[in-house]
Protein backbone atom coordinates (compact mmCIF):
# COMPACT_ATOMS: atom_id res chain seq x y z
CA MET A 1 -53.36 -15.55 104.52
CA ASN A 2 -53.68 -18.76 106.49
CA ASP A 3 -51.23 -20.78 104.37
CA SER A 4 -48.90 -21.98 107.12
CA THR A 5 -46.38 -23.22 104.54
CA LYS A 6 -45.35 -19.65 103.80
CA PRO A 7 -42.86 -18.01 106.15
CA TYR A 8 -43.83 -15.08 108.39
CA GLN A 9 -47.58 -15.35 107.78
CA ILE A 10 -49.61 -13.42 110.38
CA SER A 11 -53.10 -14.32 111.62
CA ALA A 12 -55.57 -11.47 111.13
CA LEU A 13 -57.50 -12.47 114.28
CA SER A 14 -54.65 -12.81 116.81
CA ALA A 15 -52.04 -10.66 115.05
CA GLU A 16 -49.54 -13.48 115.71
CA PHE A 17 -47.37 -15.55 113.42
CA ILE A 18 -49.21 -18.66 112.22
CA ASP A 19 -46.06 -20.71 112.66
CA PRO A 20 -45.77 -21.40 116.43
CA SER A 21 -41.97 -21.60 116.34
CA GLU A 22 -41.76 -18.26 114.55
CA GLU A 23 -44.15 -16.68 117.04
CA GLN A 24 -42.08 -18.05 119.94
CA ALA A 25 -38.92 -16.67 118.38
CA PHE A 26 -40.57 -13.24 118.03
CA ARG A 27 -41.66 -13.21 121.66
CA THR A 28 -38.16 -14.16 122.77
CA TYR A 29 -36.76 -11.37 120.56
CA ILE A 30 -39.15 -8.70 121.91
CA ARG A 31 -39.13 -9.98 125.52
CA PRO A 32 -36.67 -7.42 127.03
CA LEU A 33 -38.59 -4.46 125.59
CA ALA A 34 -41.98 -5.94 126.49
CA ALA A 35 -40.84 -6.66 130.09
CA ARG A 36 -39.60 -3.08 130.55
CA SER A 37 -42.82 -1.59 129.11
CA LEU A 38 -44.99 -3.88 131.22
CA ARG A 39 -43.12 -3.00 134.41
CA VAL A 40 -43.72 0.71 133.78
CA ALA A 41 -47.40 0.07 133.02
CA LEU A 42 -47.85 -2.01 136.19
CA ILE A 43 -46.20 0.60 138.39
CA VAL A 44 -48.34 3.40 136.90
CA TRP A 45 -51.49 1.26 137.21
CA GLY A 46 -50.79 0.45 140.88
CA SER A 47 -49.95 4.06 141.69
CA LEU A 48 -53.16 5.34 140.16
CA LEU A 49 -55.16 2.83 142.20
CA LEU A 50 -53.63 4.17 145.41
CA LEU A 51 -54.25 7.76 144.33
CA PHE A 52 -57.96 7.02 143.86
CA ALA A 53 -58.11 6.10 147.54
CA GLY A 54 -58.03 9.84 148.30
CA GLN A 55 -61.21 10.39 146.30
CA ASP A 56 -62.82 7.44 148.09
CA TRP A 57 -61.96 8.98 151.46
CA GLN A 58 -63.53 12.30 150.47
CA SER A 59 -66.76 10.51 149.53
CA LEU A 60 -66.95 7.95 152.33
CA GLY A 61 -64.80 9.26 155.15
CA TRP A 62 -63.14 6.82 157.50
CA SER A 63 -65.99 4.34 157.25
CA ALA A 64 -66.26 0.61 156.83
CA ASP A 65 -67.09 1.10 153.17
CA PHE A 66 -63.94 3.15 152.69
CA LYS A 67 -61.87 0.49 154.41
CA THR A 68 -63.35 -2.13 152.07
CA LEU A 69 -62.45 -0.12 148.99
CA LEU A 70 -59.01 0.70 150.40
CA ALA A 71 -58.32 -3.00 151.05
CA CYS A 72 -59.32 -3.80 147.43
CA ARG A 73 -57.07 -1.07 146.06
CA VAL A 74 -54.10 -1.96 148.29
CA LEU A 75 -54.47 -5.65 147.47
CA GLN A 76 -54.56 -5.00 143.74
CA ALA A 77 -51.70 -2.49 143.85
CA GLY A 78 -49.65 -4.95 145.90
CA MET A 79 -50.14 -7.67 143.28
CA LEU A 80 -49.16 -5.26 140.50
CA PHE A 81 -46.01 -4.04 142.27
CA THR A 82 -45.04 -7.61 143.16
CA PHE A 83 -45.36 -8.77 139.56
CA ALA A 84 -43.41 -5.71 138.38
CA PHE A 85 -40.62 -6.69 140.76
CA MET A 86 -40.69 -10.30 139.50
CA LEU A 87 -40.40 -9.13 135.91
CA GLY A 88 -37.11 -7.48 136.74
CA ARG A 89 -35.68 -10.89 137.61
CA LYS A 90 -37.71 -13.14 135.31
CA PRO A 91 -38.58 -11.22 132.11
CA GLN A 92 -39.72 -14.49 130.53
CA LEU A 93 -42.96 -14.17 132.55
CA VAL A 94 -44.14 -11.60 130.00
CA SER A 95 -44.03 -14.01 127.05
CA SER A 96 -47.11 -16.19 127.63
CA GLY A 97 -49.37 -13.35 128.82
CA ARG A 98 -51.26 -15.59 131.27
CA VAL A 99 -50.13 -13.78 134.41
CA VAL A 100 -50.97 -10.37 132.96
CA THR A 101 -54.43 -11.60 131.92
CA VAL A 102 -55.13 -13.02 135.37
CA LEU A 103 -54.05 -9.72 136.98
CA GLU A 104 -56.37 -7.78 134.67
CA ILE A 105 -59.36 -9.98 135.49
CA ILE A 106 -58.63 -9.88 139.23
CA GLY A 107 -58.33 -6.11 138.90
CA PHE A 108 -61.86 -5.92 137.48
CA PHE A 109 -63.23 -8.05 140.32
CA LEU A 110 -61.52 -5.81 142.91
CA PHE A 111 -62.84 -2.71 141.18
CA MET A 112 -66.48 -3.84 141.15
CA PRO A 113 -67.30 -3.01 144.85
CA VAL A 114 -67.27 0.68 143.89
CA TYR A 115 -70.65 0.18 142.12
CA PHE A 116 -72.27 -0.82 145.40
CA LEU A 117 -70.35 1.42 147.79
CA LEU A 118 -70.35 4.57 145.63
CA PRO A 119 -73.49 4.26 143.42
CA GLU A 120 -73.70 8.04 143.00
CA VAL A 121 -70.57 8.03 140.83
CA ALA A 122 -71.72 5.18 138.59
CA ALA A 123 -71.52 7.29 135.40
CA PHE A 124 -68.00 8.39 136.27
CA THR A 125 -67.13 4.73 137.01
CA VAL A 126 -68.34 3.62 133.59
CA GLY A 127 -66.06 6.24 132.03
CA VAL A 128 -63.13 4.97 134.08
CA ILE A 129 -63.91 1.39 133.01
CA GLY A 130 -63.91 2.51 129.34
CA LEU A 131 -60.55 4.16 129.81
CA MET A 132 -59.23 1.01 131.47
CA LEU A 133 -60.46 -1.14 128.58
CA LEU A 134 -58.72 1.06 126.02
CA SER A 135 -55.53 1.21 128.07
CA MET A 136 -55.39 -2.57 128.35
CA PHE A 137 -55.02 -2.85 124.57
CA LEU A 138 -52.67 0.10 124.00
CA LEU A 139 -50.51 0.41 127.11
CA ILE A 140 -50.19 -3.06 128.66
CA PRO A 141 -48.07 -5.50 126.61
CA ASN A 142 -49.97 -8.77 126.22
CA ARG A 143 -51.18 -11.18 123.58
CA LEU A 144 -54.12 -9.70 121.69
CA LEU A 145 -56.68 -12.46 122.20
CA LEU A 146 -55.88 -12.71 125.90
CA THR A 147 -56.36 -8.94 126.23
CA LEU A 148 -59.65 -9.24 124.39
CA PHE A 149 -60.77 -12.02 126.74
CA ALA A 150 -59.87 -9.95 129.81
CA ALA A 151 -61.65 -6.87 128.36
CA LEU A 152 -64.83 -8.77 127.61
CA THR A 153 -64.71 -10.28 131.13
CA GLY A 154 -64.43 -6.77 132.56
CA LEU A 155 -67.32 -5.61 130.36
CA ALA A 156 -69.49 -8.50 131.53
CA LEU A 157 -68.64 -7.86 135.20
CA THR A 158 -69.47 -4.16 134.81
CA LEU A 159 -72.87 -4.86 133.25
CA SER A 160 -73.59 -7.54 135.89
CA CYS A 161 -72.85 -5.11 138.75
CA MET A 162 -74.98 -2.42 137.15
CA ALA A 163 -77.82 -4.92 136.83
CA LEU A 164 -77.46 -6.00 140.46
CA ASN A 165 -77.50 -2.34 141.39
CA GLY A 166 -80.97 -1.98 139.90
CA ARG A 167 -80.18 -0.40 136.50
CA GLY A 168 -82.75 -0.91 133.77
CA VAL A 169 -82.39 -2.60 130.43
CA GLU A 170 -82.07 0.71 128.59
CA VAL A 171 -79.21 1.80 130.84
CA LEU A 172 -77.48 -1.57 130.46
CA LEU A 173 -77.77 -1.44 126.66
CA GLY A 174 -76.40 2.08 126.63
CA ALA A 175 -73.52 1.10 128.87
CA PHE A 176 -72.86 -1.95 126.66
CA PHE A 177 -72.52 0.14 123.49
CA ILE A 178 -70.51 2.79 125.27
CA LEU A 179 -68.03 0.21 126.66
CA MET A 180 -67.86 -1.78 123.38
CA LEU A 181 -66.47 1.31 121.67
CA PRO A 182 -63.10 1.31 123.58
CA VAL A 183 -63.01 -2.50 123.29
CA ALA A 184 -63.42 -2.45 119.51
CA THR A 185 -61.15 0.61 119.08
CA GLY A 186 -58.49 -0.87 121.33
CA TYR A 187 -58.66 -4.28 119.68
CA PHE A 188 -58.23 -2.99 116.11
CA ALA A 189 -55.57 -0.47 117.11
CA ALA A 190 -53.59 -3.16 118.99
CA GLN A 191 -54.11 -5.59 116.07
CA GLN A 192 -52.57 -3.11 113.65
CA LEU A 193 -49.72 -2.28 116.03
CA GLN A 194 -48.81 -5.90 116.73
CA THR A 195 -49.08 -6.79 113.05
CA VAL A 196 -46.70 -3.95 112.16
CA ARG A 197 -44.23 -5.08 114.85
CA ARG A 198 -44.21 -8.61 113.47
CA ARG A 199 -43.80 -7.40 109.92
CA GLN A 200 -40.83 -5.32 111.00
CA TYR A 201 -39.42 -8.39 112.75
CA ALA A 202 -39.97 -10.47 109.61
CA MET A 203 -38.25 -7.84 107.43
CA PHE A 204 -35.37 -7.72 109.89
CA ASN A 205 -35.01 -11.51 109.80
CA GLN A 206 -35.29 -11.63 106.02
CA ALA A 207 -32.58 -8.97 105.77
CA LYS A 208 -30.36 -11.03 108.09
CA GLU A 209 -31.05 -14.15 106.04
CA ALA A 210 -30.25 -12.28 102.83
CA ASN A 211 -27.01 -10.99 104.38
CA ARG A 212 -26.06 -14.48 105.49
CA ALA A 213 -26.79 -15.84 102.04
CA LEU A 214 -24.79 -13.04 100.48
CA GLN A 215 -21.88 -13.65 102.88
CA ALA A 216 -22.01 -17.37 102.11
CA GLU A 217 -21.99 -16.60 98.40
CA VAL A 218 -19.02 -14.25 98.82
CA GLU A 219 -17.15 -16.92 100.79
CA ARG A 220 -18.04 -19.55 98.20
CA ARG A 221 -16.74 -17.33 95.41
CA GLU A 222 -13.56 -16.59 97.37
CA LEU A 223 -12.98 -20.32 97.85
CA LEU A 224 -13.68 -20.87 94.17
CA GLU A 225 -11.29 -18.10 93.24
CA GLN A 226 -8.63 -19.59 95.49
CA GLU A 227 -9.19 -23.02 93.97
CA LEU A 228 -9.00 -21.65 90.44
CA LYS A 229 -5.83 -19.79 91.37
CA ARG A 230 -4.41 -22.95 92.90
CA GLN A 231 -5.27 -24.96 89.81
CA ALA A 232 -3.76 -22.28 87.57
CA THR A 233 -0.48 -22.18 89.50
CA THR A 234 0.08 -25.78 90.68
CA ASP A 235 0.62 -29.19 89.17
CA PRO A 236 -2.58 -31.21 89.75
CA LEU A 237 -0.75 -34.46 90.62
CA THR A 238 1.97 -33.32 93.00
CA GLY A 239 0.59 -29.97 94.19
CA LEU A 240 3.93 -28.33 93.33
CA PHE A 241 4.18 -25.07 91.37
CA ASN A 242 3.70 -25.49 87.63
CA ARG A 243 6.03 -24.01 85.04
CA ARG A 244 4.14 -20.75 84.67
CA GLN A 245 4.19 -20.11 88.41
CA TYR A 246 7.80 -21.01 89.17
CA GLU A 247 9.00 -18.91 86.23
CA MET A 248 7.09 -15.96 87.66
CA LEU A 249 8.55 -16.63 91.11
CA PHE A 250 12.00 -16.89 89.59
CA ARG A 251 11.70 -13.40 88.04
CA ARG A 252 10.43 -11.95 91.32
CA GLU A 253 13.13 -13.57 93.46
CA ARG A 254 15.80 -12.81 90.89
CA GLU A 255 15.02 -9.09 91.07
CA ARG A 256 14.81 -9.12 94.86
CA CYS A 257 18.17 -10.88 95.24
CA ARG A 258 19.73 -8.49 92.76
CA ARG A 259 18.54 -5.48 94.74
CA GLN A 260 19.79 -6.98 97.98
CA GLY A 261 23.07 -8.18 96.53
CA THR A 262 22.45 -11.89 97.31
CA ALA A 263 22.79 -14.96 95.12
CA ILE A 264 20.12 -17.29 93.84
CA CYS A 265 20.64 -20.86 92.68
CA VAL A 266 18.57 -23.12 90.43
CA ALA A 267 18.57 -26.91 90.57
CA MET A 268 17.05 -29.44 88.18
CA VAL A 269 16.17 -32.93 89.40
CA ASP A 270 15.59 -36.07 87.32
CA LEU A 271 14.40 -39.26 88.99
CA ASP A 272 16.61 -42.23 88.13
CA TYR A 273 15.12 -45.10 86.12
CA PHE A 274 11.61 -43.75 86.49
CA LYS A 275 10.46 -45.10 83.12
CA ALA A 276 11.51 -48.60 84.22
CA LEU A 277 9.49 -48.19 87.41
CA ASN A 278 6.42 -47.21 85.38
CA ASP A 279 6.87 -50.15 83.02
CA GLU A 280 7.32 -52.60 85.91
CA LEU A 281 4.65 -51.43 88.38
CA GLY A 282 2.34 -49.28 86.28
CA HIS A 283 1.56 -45.56 86.13
CA ASP A 284 -0.43 -45.58 89.37
CA CYS A 285 2.68 -46.55 91.28
CA GLY A 286 4.61 -43.98 89.28
CA ASP A 287 2.18 -41.30 90.43
CA ILE A 288 2.59 -42.41 94.04
CA ALA A 289 6.35 -42.12 93.65
CA LEU A 290 6.06 -38.61 92.21
CA LYS A 291 3.84 -37.50 95.11
CA HIS A 292 6.29 -39.03 97.57
CA VAL A 293 9.20 -37.09 96.06
CA ALA A 294 7.20 -33.84 95.93
CA THR A 295 6.23 -34.15 99.64
CA LEU A 296 9.79 -34.99 100.68
CA PHE A 297 11.26 -32.02 98.79
CA THR A 298 8.66 -29.63 100.24
CA ASN A 299 9.25 -30.83 103.80
CA GLN A 300 13.04 -30.75 103.60
CA LEU A 301 13.54 -27.35 102.01
CA ARG A 302 13.03 -23.91 103.57
CA GLU A 303 9.74 -22.06 103.44
CA GLY A 304 11.18 -19.48 101.06
CA ASP A 305 12.53 -22.08 98.62
CA VAL A 306 10.49 -22.90 95.53
CA VAL A 307 9.80 -26.42 94.28
CA GLY A 308 8.12 -26.95 90.92
CA ARG A 309 7.39 -29.74 88.50
CA PHE A 310 9.19 -29.33 85.21
CA GLY A 311 7.44 -32.22 83.57
CA GLY A 312 7.36 -36.00 83.69
CA GLU A 313 9.86 -37.10 86.37
CA GLU A 314 11.78 -33.80 86.38
CA PHE A 315 11.59 -31.09 89.09
CA ILE A 316 12.90 -27.54 89.47
CA ILE A 317 14.19 -26.10 92.76
CA LEU A 318 14.84 -22.38 93.34
CA LEU A 319 17.06 -21.43 96.30
CA PRO A 320 16.88 -17.64 96.86
CA ASP A 321 19.51 -15.90 99.02
CA THR A 322 21.75 -18.94 98.63
CA GLY A 323 25.31 -19.08 97.21
CA ALA A 324 26.70 -22.03 95.25
CA PRO A 325 28.58 -23.74 98.16
CA GLU A 326 25.58 -23.60 100.47
CA ALA A 327 23.24 -24.70 97.68
CA GLU A 328 25.42 -27.71 97.00
CA ARG A 329 25.26 -28.74 100.65
CA VAL A 330 21.48 -28.30 100.69
CA ILE A 331 20.95 -30.34 97.53
CA GLU A 332 23.38 -33.08 98.63
CA ARG A 333 21.46 -33.42 101.90
CA LEU A 334 18.25 -33.59 99.90
CA ARG A 335 19.68 -36.33 97.66
CA LYS A 336 20.72 -38.46 100.63
CA THR A 337 17.33 -38.01 102.33
CA LEU A 338 15.59 -39.14 99.16
CA GLU A 339 17.84 -42.16 98.79
CA ASN A 340 17.29 -43.17 102.43
CA THR A 341 13.49 -42.66 102.42
CA PRO A 342 11.91 -45.46 100.38
CA VAL A 343 8.31 -45.30 99.20
CA THR A 344 5.86 -48.19 99.66
CA LEU A 345 4.65 -49.49 96.30
CA GLN A 346 2.37 -52.55 96.07
CA GLY A 347 3.09 -53.27 99.73
CA LYS A 348 6.88 -53.25 99.39
CA PRO A 349 9.46 -50.51 100.06
CA ARG A 350 11.04 -49.09 96.91
CA LYS A 351 14.11 -46.88 96.98
CA ILE A 352 13.93 -43.77 94.81
CA THR A 353 17.08 -41.91 93.73
CA ALA A 354 17.59 -38.86 91.56
CA THR A 355 20.30 -36.98 89.73
CA PHE A 356 20.66 -33.28 90.64
CA SER A 357 22.25 -30.47 88.68
CA ILE A 358 22.67 -27.06 90.30
CA SER A 359 24.04 -23.68 89.35
CA ALA A 360 24.09 -20.14 90.61
CA VAL A 361 22.19 -17.69 88.35
CA LEU A 362 24.61 -15.50 86.40
CA ASP A 363 24.21 -11.71 86.36
CA SER A 364 23.54 -11.84 82.64
CA GLU A 365 20.68 -14.33 83.04
CA THR A 366 17.36 -12.62 83.52
CA ASP A 367 15.18 -15.51 82.32
CA ILE A 368 15.12 -18.94 83.93
CA SER A 369 15.34 -20.70 80.58
CA GLU A 370 18.87 -19.34 80.14
CA THR A 371 19.92 -20.85 83.46
CA LEU A 372 18.08 -24.12 82.81
CA ARG A 373 19.97 -24.68 79.57
CA ARG A 374 23.22 -24.79 81.54
CA VAL A 375 21.73 -26.81 84.36
CA ASP A 376 20.26 -29.32 81.91
CA GLU A 377 23.72 -29.97 80.48
CA GLY A 378 24.97 -30.70 84.01
CA LEU A 379 22.03 -33.10 84.49
CA TYR A 380 23.00 -35.16 81.44
CA SER A 381 26.56 -35.15 82.64
CA GLY A 382 25.45 -36.59 85.97
CA LYS A 383 23.42 -39.31 84.26
CA ARG A 384 26.38 -40.31 82.13
CA ALA A 385 28.54 -40.43 85.28
CA GLY A 386 26.28 -43.03 86.92
CA ARG A 387 23.21 -41.08 88.28
CA ASN A 388 22.26 -40.52 91.96
CA ARG A 389 24.61 -37.60 92.38
CA VAL A 390 24.82 -33.80 92.53
CA VAL A 391 26.50 -31.94 89.72
CA MET A 392 27.62 -28.32 90.04
CA VAL A 393 27.60 -26.26 86.88
């Protein structure tokens, strides 16, 4: 029970969390409700004190004793109302419990003159004190041990006044046992109530923590799913679409363009003398060159265009909603940009060129492989003609 390494452990004596930071967090959490409840209790307490002044007047009349009791009641009620007003602006005053405890003890001191000024109602006064002790635990929000300290102080003051008023040992013992009953009852009732409140708070926090963990797990799985999807649809080196993905996109765009009555063109790209570059500078430089080309193509083409890696140093470009003349202009501009944008390899600029072959998709071609067979023939034709050019098929 007192293992402070475990979260949300509650002390049986104080009915507070053993972990000070957890207890402080609970008090901050419950502060608005505690401040409202305490304000109501203080206002009711102060009002009852003023109402008892009427009974004092009936017993004492407008005498010096009455004025003494009235001053005590007005002073105590004034302090209670003042603190209730302060709580409206500074609810944090309720958290430590020190001010409430001081008010309770002062209240007992200001109540004690009644034993000397109205000794004939001593039995009634003991009953009122018992009710006050019980109410302190159940109706006035405060820390349990501070309430117990204030209650025991009030009990000691009561017995001291009764002794000074000439009561015998038997009467004092009887009063002690009578007043210990509301103290013990109030303490154990408040201990159970405050323990339950903290357990509810702990369950609420644990549920929030479980929800956060679940949300984090969901987000992690979503990111993992996105990463798996990315890996399944893209080339790991260049980040371009792989063959499976661009073939799927081709079928989708082909059907869309057919429904809308627009053309779609396919281009194949082969980097010139790429094997010689690999042999001269190594495969690491070759990979850098491939990434350079992939980034350039992606940045130069439209968002709706599709760029994929066919394999090795070959790339595929899909141009939806694009006729052959416009596609030729787009690809020619792409070729020139590539030629005029060298890549830095081993600290030196290296010009990369490529041969392009392009064709509009025929109505009879429903699969990209049918179009690529024609485009591939144009690619070889461009290589034989000297490379670094665009060939229309």
